[in-house]
PDB file of all heavy atoms in Angstrom:
ATOM      1  N   VAL A   1       0.842  -1.167  -0.068  1.00  0.00           N
ATOM      2  CA  VAL A   1       0.030  -0.036   0.001  1.00  0.00           C
ATOM      3  C   VAL A   1       0.879   1.273   0.047  1.00  0.00           C
ATOM      4  O   VAL A   1       1.966   1.272   0.505  1.00  0.00           O
ATOM      5  CB  VAL A   1      -0.926   0.022   1.225  1.00  0.00           C
ATOM      6  CG1 VAL A   1      -1.889  -1.130   1.175  1.00  0.00           C
ATOM      7  CG2 VAL A   1      -0.107   0.010   2.483  1.00  0.00           C
ATOM      8  N   PRO A   2       0.408   2.364  -0.514  1.00  0.00           N
ATOM      9  CA  PRO A   2       1.254   3.555  -0.731  1.00  0.00           C
ATOM     10  C   PRO A   2       1.813   4.035   0.650  1.00  0.00           C
ATOM     11  O   PRO A   2       2.844   4.655   0.743  1.00  0.00           O
ATOM     12  CB  PRO A   2       0.253   4.581  -1.223  1.00  0.00           C
ATOM     13  CG  PRO A   2      -0.736   3.762  -2.070  1.00  0.00           C
ATOM     14  CD  PRO A   2      -0.894   2.469  -1.296  1.00  0.00           C
ATOM     15  N   ASN A   3       1.036   3.885   1.693  1.00  0.00           N
ATOM     16  CA  ASN A   3       1.536   4.318   3.096  1.00  0.00           C
ATOM     17  C   ASN A   3       2.860   3.718   3.433  1.00  0.00           C
ATOM     18  O   ASN A   3       3.651   4.494   4.138  1.00  0.00           O
ATOM     19  CB  ASN A   3       0.511   3.950   4.126  1.00  0.00           C
ATOM     20  CG  ASN A   3      -0.696   4.861   4.180  1.00  0.00           C
ATOM     21  OD1 ASN A   3      -0.799   5.784   3.280  1.00  0.00           O
ATOM     22  ND2 ASN A   3      -1.559   4.680   5.043  1.00  0.00           N
ATOM     23  N   GLU A   4       3.285   2.555   2.947  1.00  0.00           N
ATOM     24  CA  GLU A   4       4.458   1.922   3.236  1.00  0.00           C
ATOM     25  C   GLU A   4       5.675   2.745   2.728  1.00  0.00           C
ATOM     26  O   GLU A   4       6.742   2.737   3.364  1.00  0.00           O
ATOM     27  CB  GLU A   4       4.576   0.474   2.686  1.00  0.00           C
ATOM     28  CG  GLU A   4       5.844  -0.309   3.013  1.00  0.00           C
ATOM     29  CD  GLU A   4       5.835  -1.734   2.441  1.00  0.00           C
ATOM     30  OE1 GLU A   4       4.985  -2.522   3.030  1.00  0.00           O
ATOM     31  OE2 GLU A   4       6.515  -1.974   1.417  1.00  0.00           O
ATOM     32  N   LYS A   5       5.406   3.489   1.602  1.00  0.00           N
ATOM     33  CA  LYS A   5       6.504   4.282   1.092  1.00  0.00           C
ATOM     34  C   LYS A   5       6.896   5.504   2.041  1.00  0.00           C
ATOM     35  O   LYS A   5       7.873   6.157   1.878  1.00  0.00           O
ATOM     36  CB  LYS A   5       6.047   4.745  -0.292  1.00  0.00           C
ATOM     37  CG  LYS A   5       5.984   3.580  -1.222  1.00  0.00           C
ATOM     38  CD  LYS A   5       5.322   4.000  -2.611  1.00  0.00           C
ATOM     39  CE  LYS A   5       5.355   2.846  -3.573  1.00  0.00           C
ATOM     40  NZ  LYS A   5       4.697   1.617  -3.086  1.00  0.00           N
ATOM     41  N   ILE A   6       5.964   5.924   2.906  1.00  0.00           N
ATOM     42  CA  ILE A   6       6.359   6.880   3.926  1.00  0.00           C
ATOM     43  C   ILE A   6       7.488   6.484   4.663  1.00  0.00           C
ATOM     44  O   ILE A   6       8.393   7.254   4.986  1.00  0.00           O
ATOM     45  CB  ILE A   6       5.130   7.310   4.821  1.00  0.00           C
ATOM     46  CG1 ILE A   6       3.987   7.835   3.880  1.00  0.00           C
ATOM     47  CG2 ILE A   6       5.523   8.292   5.861  1.00  0.00           C
ATOM     48  CD1 ILE A   6       2.651   8.148   4.641  1.00  0.00           C
ATOM     49  N   THR A   7       7.443   5.189   5.095  1.00  0.00           N
ATOM     50  CA  THR A   7       8.509   4.696   5.988  1.00  0.00           C
ATOM     51  C   THR A   7       9.872   4.689   5.248  1.00  0.00           C
ATOM     52  O   THR A   7      10.988   4.527   5.914  1.00  0.00           O
ATOM     53  CB  THR A   7       8.237   3.245   6.536  1.00  0.00           C
ATOM     54  OG1 THR A   7       8.364   2.415   5.459  1.00  0.00           O
ATOM     55  CG2 THR A   7       6.744   3.227   7.073  1.00  0.00           C
ATOM     56  N   TRP A   8       9.859   4.716   3.975  1.00  0.00           N
ATOM     57  CA  TRP A   8      11.121   4.699   3.220  1.00  0.00           C
ATOM     58  C   TRP A   8      11.604   6.026   2.721  1.00  0.00           C
ATOM     59  O   TRP A   8      12.605   6.176   1.918  1.00  0.00           O
ATOM     60  CB  TRP A   8      10.941   3.722   1.950  1.00  0.00           C
ATOM     61  CG  TRP A   8      10.929   2.206   2.394  1.00  0.00           C
ATOM     62  CD1 TRP A   8       9.688   1.586   2.748  1.00  0.00           C
ATOM     63  CD2 TRP A   8      11.927   1.314   2.432  1.00  0.00           C
ATOM     64  NE1 TRP A   8      10.022   0.352   2.952  1.00  0.00           N
ATOM     65  CE2 TRP A   8      11.486   0.113   2.861  1.00  0.00           C
ATOM     66  CE3 TRP A   8      13.275   1.422   2.221  1.00  0.00           C
ATOM     67  CZ2 TRP A   8      12.124  -1.040   2.983  1.00  0.00           C
ATOM     68  CZ3 TRP A   8      14.096   0.270   2.409  1.00  0.00           C
ATOM     69  CH2 TRP A   8      13.542  -0.899   2.770  1.00  0.00           C
ATOM     70  N   GLY A   9      10.905   7.108   3.133  1.00  0.00           N
ATOM     71  CA  GLY A   9      11.361   8.455   2.713  1.00  0.00           C
ATOM     72  C   GLY A   9      11.104   8.744   1.326  1.00  0.00           C
ATOM     73  O   GLY A   9      11.743   9.479   0.702  1.00  0.00           O
ATOM     74  N   LYS A  10       9.963   8.156   0.697  1.00  0.00           N
ATOM     75  CA  LYS A  10       9.676   8.425  -0.664  1.00  0.00           C
ATOM     76  C   LYS A  10       8.470   9.445  -0.761  1.00  0.00           C
ATOM     77  O   LYS A  10       8.449  10.250  -1.624  1.00  0.00           O
ATOM     78  CB  LYS A  10       9.295   7.104  -1.338  1.00  0.00           C
ATOM     79  CG  LYS A  10      10.462   6.070  -1.284  1.00  0.00           C
ATOM     80  CD  LYS A  10       9.991   4.771  -1.765  1.00  0.00           C
ATOM     81  CE  LYS A  10      11.200   3.705  -1.749  1.00  0.00           C
ATOM     82  NZ  LYS A  10      10.690   2.325  -2.089  1.00  0.00           N
ATOM     83  N   LEU A  11       7.454   9.211   0.139  1.00  0.00           N
ATOM     84  CA  LEU A  11       6.310  10.016   0.172  1.00  0.00           C
ATOM     85  C   LEU A  11       6.212  10.619   1.621  1.00  0.00           C
ATOM     86  O   LEU A  11       6.748  10.177   2.551  1.00  0.00           O
ATOM     87  CB  LEU A  11       4.992   9.200  -0.048  1.00  0.00           C
ATOM     88  CG  LEU A  11       4.914   8.378  -1.381  1.00  0.00           C
ATOM     89  CD1 LEU A  11       3.658   7.652  -1.404  1.00  0.00           C
ATOM     90  CD2 LEU A  11       5.149   9.287  -2.642  1.00  0.00           C
ATOM     91  N   ASP A  12       5.481  11.730   1.667  1.00  0.00           N
ATOM     92  CA  ASP A  12       5.262  12.477   2.908  1.00  0.00           C
ATOM     93  C   ASP A  12       3.855  12.113   3.452  1.00  0.00           C
ATOM     94  O   ASP A  12       2.999  11.498   2.753  1.00  0.00           O
ATOM     95  CB  ASP A  12       5.418  14.010   2.623  1.00  0.00           C
ATOM     96  CG  ASP A  12       5.952  14.646   4.077  1.00  0.00           C
ATOM     97  OD1 ASP A  12       5.830  14.038   5.042  1.00  0.00           O
ATOM     98  OD2 ASP A  12       6.389  15.753   3.937  1.00  0.00           O
ATOM     99  N   VAL A  13       3.659  12.524   4.664  1.00  0.00           N
ATOM    100  CA  VAL A  13       2.372  12.266   5.367  1.00  0.00           C
ATOM    101  C   VAL A  13       1.176  12.780   4.513  1.00  0.00           C
ATOM    102  O   VAL A  13       0.078  12.271   4.439  1.00  0.00           O
ATOM    103  CB  VAL A  13       2.396  12.703   6.758  1.00  0.00           C
ATOM    104  CG1 VAL A  13       0.919  12.638   7.366  1.00  0.00           C
ATOM    105  CG2 VAL A  13       3.340  12.047   7.532  1.00  0.00           C
ATOM    106  N   ASP A  14       1.379  14.013   3.973  1.00  0.00           N
ATOM    107  CA  ASP A  14       0.359  14.700   3.229  1.00  0.00           C
ATOM    108  C   ASP A  14       0.341  14.596   1.739  1.00  0.00           C
ATOM    109  O   ASP A  14      -0.330  15.292   1.026  1.00  0.00           O
ATOM    110  CB  ASP A  14       0.303  16.261   3.739  1.00  0.00           C
ATOM    111  CG  ASP A  14       1.707  16.897   3.398  1.00  0.00           C
ATOM    112  OD1 ASP A  14       2.604  16.255   2.999  1.00  0.00           O
ATOM    113  OD2 ASP A  14       1.693  18.155   3.600  1.00  0.00           O
ATOM    114  N   THR A  15       1.199  13.695   1.238  1.00  0.00           N
ATOM    115  CA  THR A  15       1.263  13.532  -0.195  1.00  0.00           C
ATOM    116  C   THR A  15       0.010  12.901  -0.706  1.00  0.00           C
ATOM    117  O   THR A  15      -0.417  11.864  -0.135  1.00  0.00           O
ATOM    118  CB  THR A  15       2.474  12.503  -0.565  1.00  0.00           C
ATOM    119  OG1 THR A  15       3.625  13.048  -0.071  1.00  0.00           O
ATOM    120  CG2 THR A  15       2.507  12.307  -2.093  1.00  0.00           C
ATOM    121  N   PRO A  16      -0.647  13.468  -1.652  1.00  0.00           N
ATOM    122  CA  PRO A  16      -1.929  12.857  -2.257  1.00  0.00           C
ATOM    123  C   PRO A  16      -1.475  11.391  -2.813  1.00  0.00           C
ATOM    124  O   PRO A  16      -0.594  11.376  -3.690  1.00  0.00           O
ATOM    125  CB  PRO A  16      -2.262  13.759  -3.444  1.00  0.00           C
ATOM    126  CG  PRO A  16      -1.618  15.084  -3.009  1.00  0.00           C
ATOM    127  CD  PRO A  16      -0.306  14.712  -2.310  1.00  0.00           C
ATOM    128  N   ARG A  17      -2.079  10.467  -2.324  1.00  0.00           N
ATOM    129  CA  ARG A  17      -1.704   9.093  -2.704  1.00  0.00           C
ATOM    130  C   ARG A  17      -2.944   8.151  -3.033  1.00  0.00           C
ATOM    131  O   ARG A  17      -3.960   8.162  -2.172  1.00  0.00           O
ATOM    132  CB  ARG A  17      -0.798   8.562  -1.764  1.00  0.00           C
ATOM    133  CG  ARG A  17      -1.136   8.476  -0.270  1.00  0.00           C
ATOM    134  CD  ARG A  17      -0.028   8.055   0.608  1.00  0.00           C
ATOM    135  NE  ARG A  17      -0.477   8.032   1.977  1.00  0.00           N
ATOM    136  CZ  ARG A  17      -0.437   9.183   2.802  1.00  0.00           C
ATOM    137  NH1 ARG A  17      -0.075  10.329   2.298  1.00  0.00           N
ATOM    138  NH2 ARG A  17      -0.880   9.058   3.981  1.00  0.00           N
ATOM    139  N   PHE A  18      -2.935   7.341  -4.055  1.00  0.00           N
ATOM    140  CA  PHE A  18      -4.054   6.658  -4.530  1.00  0.00           C
ATOM    141  C   PHE A  18      -3.542   5.283  -4.969  1.00  0.00           C
ATOM    142  O   PHE A  18      -2.512   5.098  -5.514  1.00  0.00           O
ATOM    143  CB  PHE A  18      -4.778   7.338  -5.540  1.00  0.00           C
ATOM    144  CG  PHE A  18      -5.090   8.800  -5.281  1.00  0.00           C
ATOM    145  CD1 PHE A  18      -4.238   9.829  -5.637  1.00  0.00           C
ATOM    146  CD2 PHE A  18      -6.248   9.199  -4.649  1.00  0.00           C
ATOM    147  CE1 PHE A  18      -4.400  11.145  -5.390  1.00  0.00           C
ATOM    148  CE2 PHE A  18      -6.570  10.416  -4.374  1.00  0.00           C
ATOM    149  CZ  PHE A  18      -5.639  11.432  -4.732  1.00  0.00           C
ATOM    150  N   ILE A  19      -4.381   4.322  -4.824  1.00  0.00           N
ATOM    151  CA  ILE A  19      -4.185   3.020  -5.401  1.00  0.00           C
ATOM    152  C   ILE A  19      -5.527   2.581  -6.123  1.00  0.00           C
ATOM    153  O   ILE A  19      -6.570   2.529  -5.441  1.00  0.00           O
ATOM    154  CB  ILE A  19      -3.646   1.940  -4.494  1.00  0.00           C
ATOM    155  CG1 ILE A  19      -3.239   0.685  -5.242  1.00  0.00           C
ATOM    156  CG2 ILE A  19      -4.533   1.677  -3.319  1.00  0.00           C
ATOM    157  CD1 ILE A  19      -2.347  -0.309  -4.431  1.00  0.00           C
ATOM    158  N   VAL A  20      -5.474   2.181  -7.267  1.00  0.00           N
ATOM    159  CA  VAL A  20      -6.575   1.727  -8.048  1.00  0.00           C
ATOM    160  C   VAL A  20      -6.336   0.293  -8.312  1.00  0.00           C
ATOM    161  O   VAL A  20      -5.423  -0.153  -9.093  1.00  0.00           O
ATOM    162  CB  VAL A  20      -6.865   2.400  -9.373  1.00  0.00           C
ATOM    163  CG1 VAL A  20      -8.100   1.988  -9.978  1.00  0.00           C
ATOM    164  CG2 VAL A  20      -6.874   3.967  -9.092  1.00  0.00           C
ATOM    165  N   GLU A  21      -6.973  -0.612  -7.616  1.00  0.00           N
ATOM    166  CA  GLU A  21      -6.818  -2.080  -7.718  1.00  0.00           C
ATOM    167  C   GLU A  21      -7.663  -2.613  -8.875  1.00  0.00           C
ATOM    168  O   GLU A  21      -8.691  -3.135  -8.705  1.00  0.00           O
ATOM    169  CB  GLU A  21      -7.176  -2.697  -6.457  1.00  0.00           C
ATOM    170  CG  GLU A  21      -6.204  -2.321  -5.279  1.00  0.00           C
ATOM    171  CD  GLU A  21      -6.609  -2.869  -3.914  1.00  0.00           C
ATOM    172  OE1 GLU A  21      -7.770  -2.652  -3.424  1.00  0.00           O
ATOM    173  OE2 GLU A  21      -5.681  -3.446  -3.269  1.00  0.00           O
ATOM    174  N   SER A  22      -6.992  -2.626 -10.005  1.00  0.00           N
ATOM    175  CA  SER A  22      -7.637  -3.066 -11.231  1.00  0.00           C
ATOM    176  C   SER A  22      -6.705  -3.231 -12.373  1.00  0.00           C
ATOM    177  O   SER A  22      -5.412  -3.053 -12.152  1.00  0.00           O
ATOM    178  CB  SER A  22      -8.860  -2.038 -11.672  1.00  0.00           C
ATOM    179  OG  SER A  22      -9.569  -2.549 -12.740  1.00  0.00           O
ATOM    180  N   ASP A  23      -7.155  -3.633 -13.523  1.00  0.00           N
ATOM    181  CA  ASP A  23      -6.366  -3.824 -14.705  1.00  0.00           C
ATOM    182  C   ASP A  23      -5.983  -2.551 -15.367  1.00  0.00           C
ATOM    183  O   ASP A  23      -6.855  -1.654 -15.746  1.00  0.00           O
ATOM    184  CB  ASP A  23      -7.216  -4.677 -15.683  1.00  0.00           C
ATOM    185  CG  ASP A  23      -6.410  -5.095 -16.967  1.00  0.00           C
ATOM    186  OD1 ASP A  23      -5.503  -4.474 -17.354  1.00  0.00           O
ATOM    187  OD2 ASP A  23      -6.842  -6.121 -17.563  1.00  0.00           O
ATOM    188  N   ALA A  24      -4.627  -2.342 -15.478  1.00  0.00           N
ATOM    189  CA  ALA A  24      -4.128  -1.010 -15.969  1.00  0.00           C
ATOM    190  C   ALA A  24      -4.630  -0.764 -17.459  1.00  0.00           C
ATOM    191  O   ALA A  24      -4.791   0.413 -17.848  1.00  0.00           O
ATOM    192  CB  ALA A  24      -2.651  -0.955 -15.868  1.00  0.00           C
ATOM    193  N   THR A  25      -4.798  -1.898 -18.236  1.00  0.00           N
ATOM    194  CA  THR A  25      -5.254  -1.712 -19.547  1.00  0.00           C
ATOM    195  C   THR A  25      -6.707  -1.158 -19.569  1.00  0.00           C
ATOM    196  O   THR A  25      -7.023  -0.613 -20.678  1.00  0.00           O
ATOM    197  CB  THR A  25      -5.179  -3.024 -20.443  1.00  0.00           C
ATOM    198  OG1 THR A  25      -6.096  -3.882 -19.890  1.00  0.00           O
ATOM    199  CG2 THR A  25      -3.787  -3.560 -20.458  1.00  0.00           C
ATOM    200  N   ILE A  26      -7.382  -1.176 -18.584  1.00  0.00           N
ATOM    201  CA  ILE A  26      -8.726  -0.584 -18.469  1.00  0.00           C
ATOM    202  C   ILE A  26      -8.580   0.794 -17.758  1.00  0.00           C
ATOM    203  O   ILE A  26      -9.178   1.747 -18.333  1.00  0.00           O
ATOM    204  CB  ILE A  26      -9.709  -1.583 -17.740  1.00  0.00           C
ATOM    205  CG1 ILE A  26      -9.920  -2.913 -18.305  1.00  0.00           C
ATOM    206  CG2 ILE A  26     -11.106  -0.945 -17.520  1.00  0.00           C
ATOM    207  CD1 ILE A  26     -10.605  -3.940 -17.574  1.00  0.00           C
ATOM    208  N   VAL A  27      -7.894   0.780 -16.671  1.00  0.00           N
ATOM    209  CA  VAL A  27      -7.912   1.966 -15.852  1.00  0.00           C
ATOM    210  C   VAL A  27      -7.159   3.155 -16.543  1.00  0.00           C
ATOM    211  O   VAL A  27      -7.598   4.327 -16.574  1.00  0.00           O
ATOM    212  CB  VAL A  27      -7.340   1.722 -14.478  1.00  0.00           C
ATOM    213  CG1 VAL A  27      -7.152   3.026 -13.677  1.00  0.00           C
ATOM    214  CG2 VAL A  27      -8.238   0.738 -13.728  1.00  0.00           C
TER     215      VAL A  27
END
């Protein structure tokens, strides 16, 4: 999940973050 990336210093607490769990060829 995107939140895990906060612990690696990639994203911040207030970074807009989204995950769409679907087929990329559709989404």
